[in-house]
Amino acid sequence: MRVLVCDDEPRAAATLARGLRREGAAVDVACDGAEALRYALVHPYDVVVLDRDLPEVHGDDVCRRLNAEQPRTKVLMVAAAGPVDALVEGLALGADDYLRKPFRFDELVARVRALARRSGSSRPAVLRRAGLELDPARRRATRAGCELKLSLKEFGVLEALLAADGDVVSAEHLLEKVWDANTDPFTNTVRMTVMKLRRKLGDPQPVETVPGAGYRI
């Protein structure tokens, strides 16, 4: 799950990003509307957590652009408590969900996860293939009923491979889905993470390397 957090208060944005990373998400942070658009129109985010009152480019305008140019990206608009009309207006702009401040972090996480499930093509809540079972909401992965102790990145890579349902997943796609924008695309971080994941999965090895293309289960 890849998420963009847009908030003009750096401390609040950093807190949300840190919490979402603990939940296994790859998170980028933007502190104004122009920066949010620069990120969101380049990277394939599942969810954008968008503060409505942003400088440079207002959150309403960011939402309109995303709705027009990145329709698969879901928008969770966040705003200070206000009248119901504000909520209705936010949803009318194209936001997929609306959350009033102050909010509980676990509620934000639940809403982000629900929106992420709706982004792109539909998929089951629990992923199963080749004796593996992965439950993203509970952050639990098993093989033949035995729980796997995976790092956040190993879990993210396994989730992306299982979600592909047998299709090949490129290293570039894994980098986009599991790591944030600060990761050097020319490093071997994907290959090293896949190698560590394979060790934990054991034999017979379910992760296949497709030369020149990527990986699949």
C-alpha atoms as a PDB file:
ATOM      1  CA  MET A   1       0.000   0.000   0.000  1.00  0.00           C
ATOM      2  CA  ARG A   2       1.507   3.320  -1.059  1.00  0.00           C
ATOM      3  CA  VAL A   3       0.172   6.500   0.536  1.00  0.00           C
ATOM      4  CA  LEU A   4       0.783  10.235   0.104  1.00  0.00           C
ATOM      5  CA  VAL A   5       0.161  12.381   3.189  1.00  0.00           C
ATOM      6  CA  CYS A   6      -0.518  16.063   2.391  1.00  0.00           C
ATOM      7  CA  ASP A   7      -0.570  18.442   5.360  1.00  0.00           C
ATOM      8  CA  ASP A   8       0.882  21.948   5.741  1.00  0.00           C
ATOM      9  CA  GLU A   9       1.822  21.250   9.363  1.00  0.00           C
ATOM     10  CA  PRO A  10       5.125  19.333   9.113  1.00  0.00           C
ATOM     11  CA  ARG A  11       4.863  17.825  12.586  1.00  0.00           C
ATOM     12  CA  ALA A  12       1.348  16.504  11.965  1.00  0.00           C
ATOM     13  CA  ALA A  13       2.353  15.139   8.559  1.00  0.00           C
ATOM     14  CA  ALA A  14       5.437  13.433  10.011  1.00  0.00           C
ATOM     15  CA  THR A  15       3.369  11.866  12.796  1.00  0.00           C
ATOM     16  CA  LEU A  16       0.816  10.464  10.358  1.00  0.00           C
ATOM     17  CA  ALA A  17       3.551   9.183   8.045  1.00  0.00           C
ATOM     18  CA  ARG A  18       5.391   7.501  10.900  1.00  0.00           C
ATOM     19  CA  GLY A  19       2.223   5.785  12.089  1.00  0.00           C
ATOM     20  CA  LEU A  20       1.254   4.590   8.600  1.00  0.00           C
ATOM     21  CA  ARG A  21       4.754   3.216   8.041  1.00  0.00           C
ATOM     22  CA  ARG A  22       4.378   1.188  11.234  1.00  0.00           C
ATOM     23  CA  GLU A  23       1.246  -0.248   9.606  1.00  0.00           C
ATOM     24  CA  GLY A  24       3.358  -1.373   6.648  1.00  0.00           C
ATOM     25  CA  ALA A  25       2.568   1.408   4.174  1.00  0.00           C
ATOM     26  CA  ALA A  26       5.132   3.134   1.948  1.00  0.00           C
ATOM     27  CA  VAL A  27       4.536   6.829   2.666  1.00  0.00           C
ATOM     28  CA  ASP A  28       5.595  10.105   1.042  1.00  0.00           C
ATOM     29  CA  VAL A  29       4.863  13.523   2.554  1.00  0.00           C
ATOM     30  CA  ALA A  30       3.899  16.813   0.873  1.00  0.00           C
ATOM     31  CA  CYS A  31       3.467  20.085   2.784  1.00  0.00           C
ATOM     32  CA  ASP A  32       1.598  22.165   0.196  1.00  0.00           C
ATOM     33  CA  GLY A  33      -0.772  21.591  -2.678  1.00  0.00           C
ATOM     34  CA  ALA A  34       1.782  22.169  -5.438  1.00  0.00           C
ATOM     35  CA  GLU A  35       4.144  19.591  -3.940  1.00  0.00           C
ATOM     36  CA  ALA A  36       1.243  17.187  -3.481  1.00  0.00           C
ATOM     37  CA  LEU A  37       0.439  17.393  -7.196  1.00  0.00           C
ATOM     38  CA  ARG A  38       4.093  16.923  -8.177  1.00  0.00           C
ATOM     39  CA  TYR A  39       4.165  13.691  -6.205  1.00  0.00           C
ATOM     40  CA  ALA A  40       0.675  12.423  -6.995  1.00  0.00           C
ATOM     41  CA  LEU A  41       0.874  12.903 -10.759  1.00  0.00           C
ATOM     42  CA  VAL A  42       4.119  10.912 -10.960  1.00  0.00           C
ATOM     43  CA  HIS A  43       3.827   8.095  -8.417  1.00  0.00           C
ATOM     44  CA  PRO A  44       1.084   5.419  -8.367  1.00  0.00           C
ATOM     45  CA  TYR A  45      -0.465   6.044  -4.940  1.00  0.00           C
ATOM     46  CA  ASP A  46      -3.241   3.847  -3.661  1.00  0.00           C
ATOM     47  CA  VAL A  47      -4.485   6.571  -1.305  1.00  0.00           C
ATOM     48  CA  VAL A  48      -3.837  10.297  -0.839  1.00  0.00           C
ATOM     49  CA  VAL A  49      -4.584  11.645   2.651  1.00  0.00           C
ATOM     50  CA  LEU A  50      -5.359  15.231   1.699  1.00  0.00           C
ATOM     51  CA  ASP A  51      -5.730  18.132   4.119  1.00  0.00           C
ATOM     52  CA  ARG A  52      -8.307  20.412   2.588  1.00  0.00           C
ATOM     53  CA  ASP A  53      -6.763  23.734   3.624  1.00  0.00           C
ATOM     54  CA  LEU A  54      -3.390  23.583   1.816  1.00  0.00           C
ATOM     55  CA  PRO A  55      -1.233  26.556   0.720  1.00  0.00           C
ATOM     56  CA  GLU A  56       0.055  27.139  -2.822  1.00  0.00           C
ATOM     57  CA  VAL A  57      -2.696  24.996  -4.397  1.00  0.00           C
ATOM     58  CA  HIS A  58      -5.846  24.519  -2.320  1.00  0.00           C
ATOM     59  CA  GLY A  59      -6.826  20.976  -1.362  1.00  0.00           C
ATOM     60  CA  ASP A  60     -10.040  21.334  -3.374  1.00  0.00           C
ATOM     61  CA  ASP A  61      -8.048  21.977  -6.539  1.00  0.00           C
ATOM     62  CA  VAL A  62      -5.658  19.116  -5.771  1.00  0.00           C
ATOM     63  CA  CYS A  63      -8.658  16.823  -5.381  1.00  0.00           C
ATOM     64  CA  ARG A  64     -10.135  17.955  -8.702  1.00  0.00           C
ATOM     65  CA  ARG A  65      -6.833  17.308 -10.538  1.00  0.00           C
ATOM     66  CA  LEU A  66      -6.418  13.876  -9.001  1.00  0.00           C
ATOM     67  CA  ASN A  67      -9.995  12.962  -9.807  1.00  0.00           C
ATOM     68  CA  ALA A  68      -9.458  13.960 -13.444  1.00  0.00           C
ATOM     69  CA  GLU A  69      -5.916  12.659 -14.021  1.00  0.00           C
ATOM     70  CA  GLN A  70      -5.415   9.826 -11.511  1.00  0.00           C
ATOM     71  CA  PRO A  71      -8.897   8.326 -11.122  1.00  0.00           C
ATOM     72  CA  ARG A  72      -7.567   5.056  -9.669  1.00  0.00           C
ATOM     73  CA  THR A  73      -6.011   6.913  -6.729  1.00  0.00           C
ATOM     74  CA  LYS A  74      -8.414   7.245  -3.811  1.00  0.00           C
ATOM     75  CA  VAL A  75      -8.612  10.515  -1.872  1.00  0.00           C
ATOM     76  CA  LEU A  76      -9.279  10.745   1.861  1.00  0.00           C
ATOM     77  CA  MET A  77      -9.976  14.428   2.492  1.00  0.00           C
ATOM     78  CA  VAL A  78      -9.237  15.695   6.002  1.00  0.00           C
ATOM     79  CA  ALA A  79     -10.588  18.968   7.381  1.00  0.00           C
ATOM     80  CA  ALA A  80     -11.386  20.714  10.640  1.00  0.00           C
ATOM     81  CA  ALA A  81     -14.761  19.962  12.170  1.00  0.00           C
ATOM     82  CA  GLY A  82     -17.453  21.900  10.376  1.00  0.00           C
ATOM     83  CA  PRO A  83     -21.025  21.749   9.096  1.00  0.00           C
ATOM     84  CA  VAL A  84     -22.361  18.802   7.146  1.00  0.00           C
ATOM     85  CA  ASP A  85     -22.352  21.039   4.050  1.00  0.00           C
ATOM     86  CA  ALA A  86     -18.528  21.014   4.122  1.00  0.00           C
ATOM     87  CA  LEU A  87     -18.502  17.214   4.081  1.00  0.00           C
ATOM     88  CA  VAL A  88     -20.981  17.102   1.204  1.00  0.00           C
ATOM     89  CA  GLU A  89     -18.950  19.672  -0.705  1.00  0.00           C
ATOM     90  CA  GLY A  90     -15.735  17.708  -0.210  1.00  0.00           C
ATOM     91  CA  LEU A  91     -17.289  14.517  -1.526  1.00  0.00           C
ATOM     92  CA  ALA A  92     -18.792  16.419  -4.459  1.00  0.00           C
ATOM     93  CA  LEU A  93     -15.284  17.532  -5.446  1.00  0.00           C
ATOM     94  CA  GLY A  94     -14.348  13.907  -6.019  1.00  0.00           C
ATOM     95  CA  ALA A  95     -13.017  12.839  -2.624  1.00  0.00           C
ATOM     96  CA  ASP A  96     -13.704   9.170  -1.873  1.00  0.00           C
ATOM     97  CA  ASP A  97     -13.988   9.692   1.877  1.00  0.00           C
ATOM     98  CA  TYR A  98     -13.981  12.601   4.326  1.00  0.00           C
ATOM     99  CA  LEU A  99     -12.574  12.693   7.866  1.00  0.00           C
ATOM    100  CA  ARG A 100     -13.083  15.513  10.362  1.00  0.00           C
ATOM    101  CA  LYS A 101     -10.348  16.667  12.741  1.00  0.00           C
ATOM    102  CA  PRO A 102      -9.601  15.725  15.417  1.00  0.00           C
ATOM    103  CA  PHE A 103      -9.709  12.022  14.594  1.00  0.00           C
ATOM    104  CA  ARG A 104      -8.388   8.804  16.074  1.00  0.00           C
ATOM    105  CA  PHE A 105      -5.390   7.395  14.254  1.00  0.00           C
ATOM    106  CA  ASP A 106      -6.880   3.884  14.155  1.00  0.00           C
ATOM    107  CA  GLU A 107      -9.937   5.311  12.366  1.00  0.00           C
ATOM    108  CA  LEU A 108      -7.708   6.951   9.758  1.00  0.00           C
ATOM    109  CA  VAL A 109      -5.841   3.663   9.241  1.00  0.00           C
ATOM    110  CA  ALA A 110      -9.119   1.767   8.823  1.00  0.00           C
ATOM    111  CA  ARG A 111     -10.360   4.278   6.251  1.00  0.00           C
ATOM    112  CA  VAL A 112      -7.049   4.264   4.347  1.00  0.00           C
ATOM    113  CA  ARG A 113      -7.074   0.450   4.207  1.00  0.00           C
ATOM    114  CA  ALA A 114     -10.689   0.414   3.015  1.00  0.00           C
ATOM    115  CA  LEU A 115      -9.871   2.906   0.250  1.00  0.00           C
ATOM    116  CA  ALA A 116      -6.727   1.003  -0.748  1.00  0.00           C
ATOM    117  CA  ARG A 117      -8.805  -2.133  -1.253  1.00  0.00           C
ATOM    118  CA  ARG A 118     -10.973  -0.156  -3.680  1.00  0.00           C
ATOM    119  CA  SER A 119      -8.086   1.297  -5.685  1.00  0.00           C
ATOM    120  CA  GLY A 120      -7.163  -0.555  -8.875  1.00  0.00           C
ATOM    121  CA  SER A 121      -8.708  -3.940  -9.535  1.00  0.00           C
ATOM    122  CA  SER A 122     -10.684  -5.688  -6.819  1.00  0.00           C
ATOM    123  CA  ARG A 123      -9.003  -8.429  -4.842  1.00  0.00           C
ATOM    124  CA  PRO A 124      -9.911 -10.678  -1.903  1.00  0.00           C
ATOM    125  CA  ALA A 125      -9.312  -9.433   1.645  1.00  0.00           C
ATOM    126  CA  VAL A 126      -7.053 -12.438   2.309  1.00  0.00           C
ATOM    127  CA  LEU A 127      -4.584 -13.462  -0.406  1.00  0.00           C
ATOM    128  CA  ARG A 128      -3.882 -17.189  -0.965  1.00  0.00           C
ATOM    129  CA  ARG A 129      -1.551 -18.943  -3.383  1.00  0.00           C
ATOM    130  CA  ALA A 130       0.991 -21.818  -3.367  1.00  0.00           C
ATOM    131  CA  GLY A 131       0.273 -22.700   0.265  1.00  0.00           C
ATOM    132  CA  LEU A 132       0.765 -19.085   1.342  1.00  0.00           C
ATOM    133  CA  GLU A 133      -1.889 -16.989   3.051  1.00  0.00           C
ATOM    134  CA  LEU A 134      -1.578 -13.267   3.714  1.00  0.00           C
ATOM    135  CA  ASP A 135      -4.010 -11.035   5.597  1.00  0.00           C
ATOM    136  CA  PRO A 136      -3.003  -7.364   5.090  1.00  0.00           C
ATOM    137  CA  ALA A 137      -5.452  -5.992   7.673  1.00  0.00           C
ATOM    138  CA  ARG A 138      -4.102  -8.246  10.443  1.00  0.00           C
ATOM    139  CA  ARG A 139      -0.526  -8.033   9.136  1.00  0.00           C
ATOM    140  CA  ARG A 140      -0.246 -11.803   9.235  1.00  0.00           C
ATOM    141  CA  ALA A 141       1.321 -14.181   6.702  1.00  0.00           C
ATOM    142  CA  THR A 142       1.502 -17.981   6.928  1.00  0.00           C
ATOM    143  CA  ARG A 143       2.808 -20.893   4.897  1.00  0.00           C
ATOM    144  CA  ALA A 144       1.138 -24.259   5.371  1.00  0.00           C
ATOM    145  CA  GLY A 145      -0.420 -22.839   8.546  1.00  0.00           C
ATOM    146  CA  CYS A 146       2.907 -21.729  10.076  1.00  0.00           C
ATOM    147  CA  GLU A 147       3.265 -18.015  10.750  1.00  0.00           C
ATOM    148  CA  LEU A 148       6.032 -16.172   8.897  1.00  0.00           C
ATOM    149  CA  LYS A 149       8.103 -13.563  10.726  1.00  0.00           C
ATOM    150  CA  LEU A 150       8.560 -10.933   8.019  1.00  0.00           C
ATOM    151  CA  SER A 151       9.907  -7.388   8.035  1.00  0.00           C
ATOM    152  CA  LEU A 152       7.618  -4.621   6.776  1.00  0.00           C
ATOM    153  CA  LYS A 153       9.291  -4.583   3.348  1.00  0.00           C
ATOM    154  CA  GLU A 154       9.301  -8.385   3.058  1.00  0.00           C
ATOM    155  CA  PHE A 155       5.604  -8.393   3.909  1.00  0.00           C
ATOM    156  CA  GLY A 156       4.953  -5.679   1.295  1.00  0.00           C
ATOM    157  CA  VAL A 157       6.817  -7.584  -1.422  1.00  0.00           C
ATOM    158  CA  LEU A 158       4.979 -10.808  -0.606  1.00  0.00           C
ATOM    159  CA  GLU A 159       1.637  -8.964  -0.670  1.00  0.00           C
ATOM    160  CA  ALA A 160       2.398  -7.472  -4.098  1.00  0.00           C
ATOM    161  CA  LEU A 161       3.434 -10.854  -5.513  1.00  0.00           C
ATOM    162  CA  LEU A 162       0.355 -12.631  -4.147  1.00  0.00           C
ATOM    163  CA  ALA A 163      -1.948  -9.837  -5.344  1.00  0.00           C
ATOM    164  CA  ALA A 164      -0.604 -10.368  -8.889  1.00  0.00           C
ATOM    165  CA  ASP A 165      -2.191 -13.845  -8.814  1.00  0.00           C
ATOM    166  CA  GLY A 166       0.518 -15.563 -10.852  1.00  0.00           C
ATOM    167  CA  ASP A 167       1.413 -12.659 -13.119  1.00  0.00           C
ATOM    168  CA  VAL A 168       4.996 -11.403 -13.270  1.00  0.00           C
ATOM    169  CA  VAL A 169       5.737  -8.378 -11.083  1.00  0.00           C
ATOM    170  CA  SER A 170       8.679  -6.225 -12.155  1.00  0.00           C
ATOM    171  CA  ALA A 171      11.287  -4.914  -9.752  1.00  0.00           C
ATOM    172  CA  GLU A 172      10.198  -1.398 -10.771  1.00  0.00           C
ATOM    173  CA  HIS A 173       6.613  -2.106  -9.748  1.00  0.00           C
ATOM    174  CA  LEU A 174       7.746  -3.512  -6.394  1.00  0.00           C
ATOM    175  CA  LEU A 175       9.850  -0.406  -5.832  1.00  0.00           C
ATOM    176  CA  GLU A 176       6.858   1.839  -6.596  1.00  0.00           C
ATOM    177  CA  LYS A 177       4.438  -0.082  -4.359  1.00  0.00           C
ATOM    178  CA  VAL A 178       6.588  -0.964  -1.347  1.00  0.00           C
ATOM    179  CA  TRP A 179       9.174   1.833  -1.063  1.00  0.00           C
ATOM    180  CA  ASP A 180       8.784   5.619  -0.912  1.00  0.00           C
ATOM    181  CA  ALA A 181      10.065   8.285  -3.292  1.00  0.00           C
ATOM    182  CA  ASN A 182      13.331   8.719  -1.381  1.00  0.00           C
ATOM    183  CA  THR A 183      14.556   5.258  -2.387  1.00  0.00           C
ATOM    184  CA  ASP A 184      17.271   5.244  -5.029  1.00  0.00           C
ATOM    185  CA  PRO A 185      15.800   3.360  -8.026  1.00  0.00           C
ATOM    186  CA  PHE A 186      19.276   2.156  -9.010  1.00  0.00           C
ATOM    187  CA  THR A 187      19.994   0.303  -5.754  1.00  0.00           C
ATOM    188  CA  ASN A 188      19.623  -3.464  -5.369  1.00  0.00           C
ATOM    189  CA  THR A 189      17.193  -3.065  -2.461  1.00  0.00           C
ATOM    190  CA  VAL A 190      14.424  -5.023  -4.214  1.00  0.00           C
ATOM    191  CA  ARG A 191      16.705  -7.937  -5.049  1.00  0.00           C
ATOM    192  CA  MET A 192      18.078  -8.069  -1.498  1.00  0.00           C
ATOM    193  CA  THR A 193      14.580  -7.988   0.015  1.00  0.00           C
ATOM    194  CA  VAL A 194      13.383 -10.782  -2.286  1.00  0.00           C
ATOM    195  CA  MET A 195      16.447 -12.822  -1.312  1.00  0.00           C
ATOM    196  CA  LYS A 196      15.671 -12.419   2.410  1.00  0.00           C
ATOM    197  CA  LEU A 197      12.006 -13.225   1.789  1.00  0.00           C
ATOM    198  CA  ARG A 198      12.945 -16.431  -0.019  1.00  0.00           C
ATOM    199  CA  ARG A 199      15.047 -17.577   2.928  1.00  0.00           C
ATOM    200  CA  LYS A 200      12.089 -17.130   5.261  1.00  0.00           C
ATOM    201  CA  LEU A 201       9.654 -18.873   2.913  1.00  0.00           C
ATOM    202  CA  GLY A 202      11.878 -21.956   2.666  1.00  0.00           C
ATOM    203  CA  ASP A 203      11.615 -24.872   0.257  1.00  0.00           C
ATOM    204  CA  PRO A 204      10.065 -25.677  -2.087  1.00  0.00           C
ATOM    205  CA  GLN A 205      10.672 -22.058  -3.123  1.00  0.00           C
ATOM    206  CA  PRO A 206       7.430 -20.363  -4.281  1.00  0.00           C
ATOM    207  CA  VAL A 207       9.050 -17.152  -5.596  1.00  0.00           C
ATOM    208  CA  GLU A 208      10.247 -17.582  -9.173  1.00  0.00           C
ATOM    209  CA  THR A 209      12.630 -15.200 -10.931  1.00  0.00           C
ATOM    210  CA  VAL A 210      11.616 -14.465 -14.526  1.00  0.00           C
ATOM    211  CA  PRO A 211      14.821 -13.285 -16.238  1.00  0.00           C
ATOM    212  CA  GLY A 212      14.551  -9.761 -17.587  1.00  0.00           C
ATOM    213  CA  ALA A 213      10.991  -9.377 -16.303  1.00  0.00           C
ATOM    214  CA  GLY A 214      10.704  -9.737 -12.529  1.00  0.00           C
ATOM    215  CA  TYR A 215       9.235 -12.192 -10.032  1.00  0.00           C
ATOM    216  CA  ARG A 216       6.082 -14.249  -9.598  1.00  0.00           C
ATOM    217  CA  ILE A 217       4.451 -16.772  -7.295  1.00  0.00           C
END
